[in-house]
Amino acid sequence: LATLPASIQTLAGMVAAAPISLLMGRM
């Protein structure tokens, strides 16, 4: 499980990428 934090970090990128792009598209 040692790489789990790094894996979750990339998971966060997947979750956040589209909402952040849409936020930038509006604001």
PDB file of all heavy atoms in Angstrom:
ATOM      1  N   LEU A   1       0.811  -1.217   0.000  1.00  0.00           N
ATOM      2  CA  LEU A   1       0.000   0.000   0.000  1.00  0.00           C
ATOM      3  C   LEU A   1       0.846   1.270   0.000  1.00  0.00           C
ATOM      4  O   LEU A   1       0.300   2.370   0.075  1.00  0.00           O
ATOM      5  CB  LEU A   1      -0.922   0.008   1.221  1.00  0.00           C
ATOM      6  CG  LEU A   1      -1.963  -1.115   1.307  1.00  0.00           C
ATOM      7  CD1 LEU A   1      -2.724  -1.032   2.622  1.00  0.00           C
ATOM      8  CD2 LEU A   1      -2.919  -1.038   0.131  1.00  0.00           C
ATOM      9  N   ALA A   2       2.158   1.127  -0.114  1.00  0.00           N
ATOM     10  CA  ALA A   2       3.037   2.292   0.002  1.00  0.00           C
ATOM     11  C   ALA A   2       2.765   3.338  -1.074  1.00  0.00           C
ATOM     12  O   ALA A   2       2.904   4.542  -0.833  1.00  0.00           O
ATOM     13  CB  ALA A   2       4.488   1.850  -0.050  1.00  0.00           C
ATOM     14  N   THR A   3       2.386   2.905  -2.269  1.00  0.00           N
ATOM     15  CA  THR A   3       2.132   3.865  -3.352  1.00  0.00           C
ATOM     16  C   THR A   3       0.680   4.353  -3.368  1.00  0.00           C
ATOM     17  O   THR A   3       0.311   5.107  -4.276  1.00  0.00           O
ATOM     18  CB  THR A   3       2.452   3.242  -4.726  1.00  0.00           C
ATOM     19  OG1 THR A   3       1.622   2.093  -4.931  1.00  0.00           O
ATOM     20  CG2 THR A   3       3.916   2.829  -4.811  1.00  0.00           C
ATOM     21  N   LEU A   4      -0.119   3.951  -2.386  1.00  0.00           N
ATOM     22  CA  LEU A   4      -1.522   4.358  -2.374  1.00  0.00           C
ATOM     23  C   LEU A   4      -1.699   5.876  -2.302  1.00  0.00           C
ATOM     24  O   LEU A   4      -2.548   6.424  -3.022  1.00  0.00           O
ATOM     25  CB  LEU A   4      -2.271   3.683  -1.220  1.00  0.00           C
ATOM     26  CG  LEU A   4      -3.780   3.921  -1.167  1.00  0.00           C
ATOM     27  CD1 LEU A   4      -4.455   3.414  -2.439  1.00  0.00           C
ATOM     28  CD2 LEU A   4      -4.395   3.247   0.070  1.00  0.00           C
ATOM     29  N   PRO A   5      -0.941   6.618  -1.469  1.00  0.00           N
ATOM     30  CA  PRO A   5      -1.103   8.077  -1.482  1.00  0.00           C
ATOM     31  C   PRO A   5      -0.846   8.688  -2.850  1.00  0.00           C
ATOM     32  O   PRO A   5      -1.599   9.567  -3.300  1.00  0.00           O
ATOM     33  CB  PRO A   5      -0.067   8.546  -0.454  1.00  0.00           C
ATOM     34  CG  PRO A   5       0.102   7.399   0.469  1.00  0.00           C
ATOM     35  CD  PRO A   5      -0.016   6.178  -0.406  1.00  0.00           C
ATOM     36  N   ALA A   6       0.204   8.230  -3.534  1.00  0.00           N
ATOM     37  CA  ALA A   6       0.489   8.745  -4.874  1.00  0.00           C
ATOM     38  C   ALA A   6      -0.608   8.352  -5.857  1.00  0.00           C
ATOM     39  O   ALA A   6      -0.964   9.125  -6.753  1.00  0.00           O
ATOM     40  CB  ALA A   6       1.837   8.220  -5.355  1.00  0.00           C
ATOM     41  N   SER A   7      -1.149   7.145  -5.683  1.00  0.00           N
ATOM     42  CA  SER A   7      -2.229   6.690  -6.560  1.00  0.00           C
ATOM     43  C   SER A   7      -3.484   7.522  -6.342  1.00  0.00           C
ATOM     44  O   SER A   7      -4.174   7.905  -7.295  1.00  0.00           O
ATOM     45  CB  SER A   7      -2.523   5.203  -6.299  1.00  0.00           C
ATOM     46  OG  SER A   7      -1.376   4.416  -6.472  1.00  0.00           O
ATOM     47  N   ILE A   8      -3.784   7.809  -5.090  1.00  0.00           N
ATOM     48  CA  ILE A   8      -4.951   8.633  -4.767  1.00  0.00           C
ATOM     49  C   ILE A   8      -4.745  10.052  -5.289  1.00  0.00           C
ATOM     50  O   ILE A   8      -5.695  10.725  -5.711  1.00  0.00           O
ATOM     51  CB  ILE A   8      -5.204   8.615  -3.250  1.00  0.00           C
ATOM     52  CG1 ILE A   8      -5.766   7.250  -2.850  1.00  0.00           C
ATOM     53  CG2 ILE A   8      -6.148   9.731  -2.833  1.00  0.00           C
ATOM     54  CD1 ILE A   8      -5.993   7.073  -1.367  1.00  0.00           C
ATOM     55  N   GLN A   9      -3.505  10.504  -5.301  1.00  0.00           N
ATOM     56  CA  GLN A   9      -3.205  11.833  -5.850  1.00  0.00           C
ATOM     57  C   GLN A   9      -3.580  11.910  -7.323  1.00  0.00           C
ATOM     58  O   GLN A   9      -4.161  12.898  -7.774  1.00  0.00           O
ATOM     59  CB  GLN A   9      -1.722  12.133  -5.647  1.00  0.00           C
ATOM     60  CG  GLN A   9      -1.326  13.526  -6.068  1.00  0.00           C
ATOM     61  CD  GLN A   9       0.080  13.868  -5.618  1.00  0.00           C
ATOM     62  OE1 GLN A   9       0.394  13.807  -4.431  1.00  0.00           O
ATOM     63  NE2 GLN A   9       0.934  14.233  -6.552  1.00  0.00           N
ATOM     64  N   THR A  10      -3.256  10.859  -8.082  1.00  0.00           N
ATOM     65  CA  THR A  10      -3.641  10.853  -9.495  1.00  0.00           C
ATOM     66  C   THR A  10      -5.147  10.664  -9.649  1.00  0.00           C
ATOM     67  O   THR A  10      -5.755  11.193 -10.586  1.00  0.00           O
ATOM     68  CB  THR A  10      -2.896   9.749 -10.258  1.00  0.00           C
ATOM     69  OG1 THR A  10      -3.184   8.474  -9.682  1.00  0.00           O
ATOM     70  CG2 THR A  10      -1.398   9.974 -10.219  1.00  0.00           C
ATOM     71  N   LEU A  11      -5.772   9.926  -8.731  1.00  0.00           N
ATOM     72  CA  LEU A  11      -7.228   9.782  -8.740  1.00  0.00           C
ATOM     73  C   LEU A  11      -7.894  11.139  -8.560  1.00  0.00           C
ATOM     74  O   LEU A  11      -8.879  11.465  -9.233  1.00  0.00           O
ATOM     75  CB  LEU A  11      -7.670   8.824  -7.631  1.00  0.00           C
ATOM     76  CG  LEU A  11      -9.177   8.674  -7.412  1.00  0.00           C
ATOM     77  CD1 LEU A  11      -9.839   8.040  -8.636  1.00  0.00           C
ATOM     78  CD2 LEU A  11      -9.466   7.846  -6.164  1.00  0.00           C
ATOM     79  N   ALA A  12      -7.337  11.948  -7.676  1.00  0.00           N
ATOM     80  CA  ALA A  12      -7.884  13.293  -7.465  1.00  0.00           C
ATOM     81  C   ALA A  12      -7.806  14.122  -8.732  1.00  0.00           C
ATOM     82  O   ALA A  12      -8.716  14.902  -9.035  1.00  0.00           O
ATOM     83  CB  ALA A  12      -7.128  13.990  -6.339  1.00  0.00           C
ATOM     84  N   GLY A  13      -6.717  13.936  -9.487  1.00  0.00           N
ATOM     85  CA  GLY A  13      -6.604  14.642 -10.754  1.00  0.00           C
ATOM     86  C   GLY A  13      -7.721  14.277 -11.700  1.00  0.00           C
ATOM     87  O   GLY A  13      -8.244  15.136 -12.428  1.00  0.00           O
ATOM     88  N   MET A  14      -8.094  13.000 -11.705  1.00  0.00           N
ATOM     89  CA  MET A  14      -9.186  12.553 -12.564  1.00  0.00           C
ATOM     90  C   MET A  14     -10.509  13.186 -12.136  1.00  0.00           C
ATOM     91  O   MET A  14     -11.292  13.651 -12.965  1.00  0.00           O
ATOM     92  CB  MET A  14      -9.295  11.022 -12.499  1.00  0.00           C
ATOM     93  CG  MET A  14     -10.434  10.451 -13.330  1.00  0.00           C
ATOM     94  SD  MET A  14     -10.691   8.679 -13.029  1.00  0.00           S
ATOM     95  CE  MET A  14     -11.329   8.714 -11.352  1.00  0.00           C
ATOM     96  N   VAL A  15     -10.741  13.227 -10.832  1.00  0.00           N
ATOM     97  CA  VAL A  15     -12.001  13.764 -10.317  1.00  0.00           C
ATOM     98  C   VAL A  15     -12.098  15.272 -10.537  1.00  0.00           C
ATOM     99  O   VAL A  15     -13.153  15.805 -10.878  1.00  0.00           O
ATOM    100  CB  VAL A  15     -12.142  13.433  -8.811  1.00  0.00           C
ATOM    101  CG1 VAL A  15     -13.362  14.125  -8.216  1.00  0.00           C
ATOM    102  CG2 VAL A  15     -12.239  11.919  -8.608  1.00  0.00           C
ATOM    103  N   ALA A  16     -10.964  15.960 -10.368  1.00  0.00           N
ATOM    104  CA  ALA A  16     -10.990  17.426 -10.372  1.00  0.00           C
ATOM    105  C   ALA A  16     -10.811  18.043 -11.745  1.00  0.00           C
ATOM    106  O   ALA A  16     -11.176  19.210 -11.949  1.00  0.00           O
ATOM    107  CB  ALA A  16      -9.907  17.961  -9.433  1.00  0.00           C
ATOM    108  N   ALA A  17     -10.252  17.312 -12.715  1.00  0.00           N
ATOM    109  CA  ALA A  17      -9.874  17.920 -13.997  1.00  0.00           C
ATOM    110  C   ALA A  17     -11.041  18.604 -14.704  1.00  0.00           C
ATOM    111  O   ALA A  17     -10.940  19.774 -15.098  1.00  0.00           O
ATOM    112  CB  ALA A  17      -9.249  16.862 -14.905  1.00  0.00           C
ATOM    113  N   ALA A  18     -12.133  17.900 -14.911  1.00  0.00           N
ATOM    114  CA  ALA A  18     -13.270  18.472 -15.639  1.00  0.00           C
ATOM    115  C   ALA A  18     -13.938  19.610 -14.882  1.00  0.00           C
ATOM    116  O   ALA A  18     -14.191  20.677 -15.468  1.00  0.00           O
ATOM    117  CB  ALA A  18     -14.278  17.376 -15.978  1.00  0.00           C
ATOM    118  N   PRO A  19     -14.240  19.459 -13.572  1.00  0.00           N
ATOM    119  CA  PRO A  19     -14.853  20.586 -12.864  1.00  0.00           C
ATOM    120  C   PRO A  19     -13.984  21.844 -12.869  1.00  0.00           C
ATOM    121  O   PRO A  19     -14.494  22.953 -13.016  1.00  0.00           O
ATOM    122  CB  PRO A  19     -15.035  20.048 -11.439  1.00  0.00           C
ATOM    123  CG  PRO A  19     -15.119  18.570 -11.596  1.00  0.00           C
ATOM    124  CD  PRO A  19     -14.207  18.240 -12.740  1.00  0.00           C
ATOM    125  N   ILE A  20     -12.657  21.671 -12.724  1.00  0.00           N
ATOM    126  CA  ILE A  20     -11.781  22.838 -12.727  1.00  0.00           C
ATOM    127  C   ILE A  20     -11.765  23.494 -14.099  1.00  0.00           C
ATOM    128  O   ILE A  20     -11.780  24.728 -14.225  1.00  0.00           O
ATOM    129  CB  ILE A  20     -10.360  22.443 -12.287  1.00  0.00           C
ATOM    130  CG1 ILE A  20     -10.350  22.139 -10.789  1.00  0.00           C
ATOM    131  CG2 ILE A  20      -9.360  23.550 -12.607  1.00  0.00           C
ATOM    132  CD1 ILE A  20      -9.037  21.622 -10.271  1.00  0.00           C
ATOM    133  N   SER A  21     -11.754  22.693 -15.165  1.00  0.00           N
ATOM    134  CA  SER A  21     -11.783  23.250 -16.507  1.00  0.00           C
ATOM    135  C   SER A  21     -13.068  24.032 -16.753  1.00  0.00           C
ATOM    136  O   SER A  21     -13.061  25.125 -17.328  1.00  0.00           O
ATOM    137  CB  SER A  21     -11.630  22.142 -17.548  1.00  0.00           C
ATOM    138  OG  SER A  21     -11.566  22.666 -18.856  1.00  0.00           O
ATOM    139  N   LEU A  22     -14.191  23.481 -16.310  1.00  0.00           N
ATOM    140  CA  LEU A  22     -15.471  24.185 -16.462  1.00  0.00           C
ATOM    141  C   LEU A  22     -15.502  25.456 -15.622  1.00  0.00           C
ATOM    142  O   LEU A  22     -16.067  26.476 -16.041  1.00  0.00           O
ATOM    143  CB  LEU A  22     -16.621  23.252 -16.081  1.00  0.00           C
ATOM    144  CG  LEU A  22     -16.846  22.055 -17.021  1.00  0.00           C
ATOM    145  CD1 LEU A  22     -17.927  21.142 -16.471  1.00  0.00           C
ATOM    146  CD2 LEU A  22     -17.222  22.538 -18.420  1.00  0.00           C
ATOM    147  N   LEU A  23     -14.910  25.400 -14.419  1.00  0.00           N
ATOM    148  CA  LEU A  23     -14.819  26.600 -13.587  1.00  0.00           C
ATOM    149  C   LEU A  23     -14.013  27.679 -14.298  1.00  0.00           C
ATOM    150  O   LEU A  23     -14.394  28.856 -14.319  1.00  0.00           O
ATOM    151  CB  LEU A  23     -14.160  26.243 -12.250  1.00  0.00           C
ATOM    152  CG  LEU A  23     -13.816  27.437 -11.344  1.00  0.00           C
ATOM    153  CD1 LEU A  23     -15.094  28.083 -10.817  1.00  0.00           C
ATOM    154  CD2 LEU A  23     -12.924  27.000 -10.187  1.00  0.00           C
ATOM    155  N   MET A  24     -12.906  27.269 -14.907  1.00  0.00           N
ATOM    156  CA  MET A  24     -12.095  28.234 -15.648  1.00  0.00           C
ATOM    157  C   MET A  24     -12.850  28.770 -16.861  1.00  0.00           C
ATOM    158  O   MET A  24     -12.689  29.936 -17.233  1.00  0.00           O
ATOM    159  CB  MET A  24     -10.788  27.570 -16.102  1.00  0.00           C
ATOM    160  CG  MET A  24      -9.808  27.284 -14.979  1.00  0.00           C
ATOM    161  SD  MET A  24      -8.284  26.528 -15.599  1.00  0.00           S
ATOM    162  CE  MET A  24      -7.274  26.521 -14.116  1.00  0.00           C
ATOM    163  N   GLY A  25     -13.666  27.912 -17.478  1.00  0.00           N
ATOM    164  CA  GLY A  25     -14.460  28.349 -18.615  1.00  0.00           C
ATOM    165  C   GLY A  25     -15.474  29.415 -18.249  1.00  0.00           C
ATOM    166  O   GLY A  25     -15.856  30.238 -19.084  1.00  0.00           O
ATOM    167  N   ARG A  26     -15.911  29.433 -17.001  1.00  0.00           N
ATOM    168  CA  ARG A  26     -16.906  30.421 -16.556  1.00  0.00           C
ATOM    169  C   ARG A  26     -16.278  31.610 -15.830  1.00  0.00           C
ATOM    170  O   ARG A  26     -16.699  32.750 -16.016  1.00  0.00           O
ATOM    171  CB  ARG A  26     -17.923  29.753 -15.618  1.00  0.00           C
ATOM    172  CG  ARG A  26     -18.796  28.709 -16.295  1.00  0.00           C
ATOM    173  CD  ARG A  26     -19.985  28.339 -15.431  1.00  0.00           C
ATOM    174  NE  ARG A  26     -20.848  29.498 -15.206  1.00  0.00           N
ATOM    175  CZ  ARG A  26     -21.926  29.494 -14.426  1.00  0.00           C
ATOM    176  NH1 ARG A  26     -22.273  28.388 -13.793  1.00  0.00           N
ATOM    177  NH2 ARG A  26     -22.653  30.576 -14.278  1.00  0.00           N
ATOM    178  N   MET A  27     -15.266  31.336 -14.982  1.00  0.00           N
ATOM    179  CA  MET A  27     -14.731  32.382 -14.112  1.00  0.00           C
ATOM    180  C   MET A  27     -13.313  32.805 -14.476  1.00  0.00           C
ATOM    181  O   MET A  27     -12.793  33.758 -13.889  1.00  0.00           O
ATOM    182  CB  MET A  27     -14.770  31.910 -12.649  1.00  0.00           C
ATOM    183  CG  MET A  27     -16.156  31.574 -12.150  1.00  0.00           C
ATOM    184  SD  MET A  27     -16.174  31.081 -10.411  1.00  0.00           S
ATOM    185  CE  MET A  27     -15.618  32.586  -9.621  1.00  0.00           C
TER     186      MET A  27
END
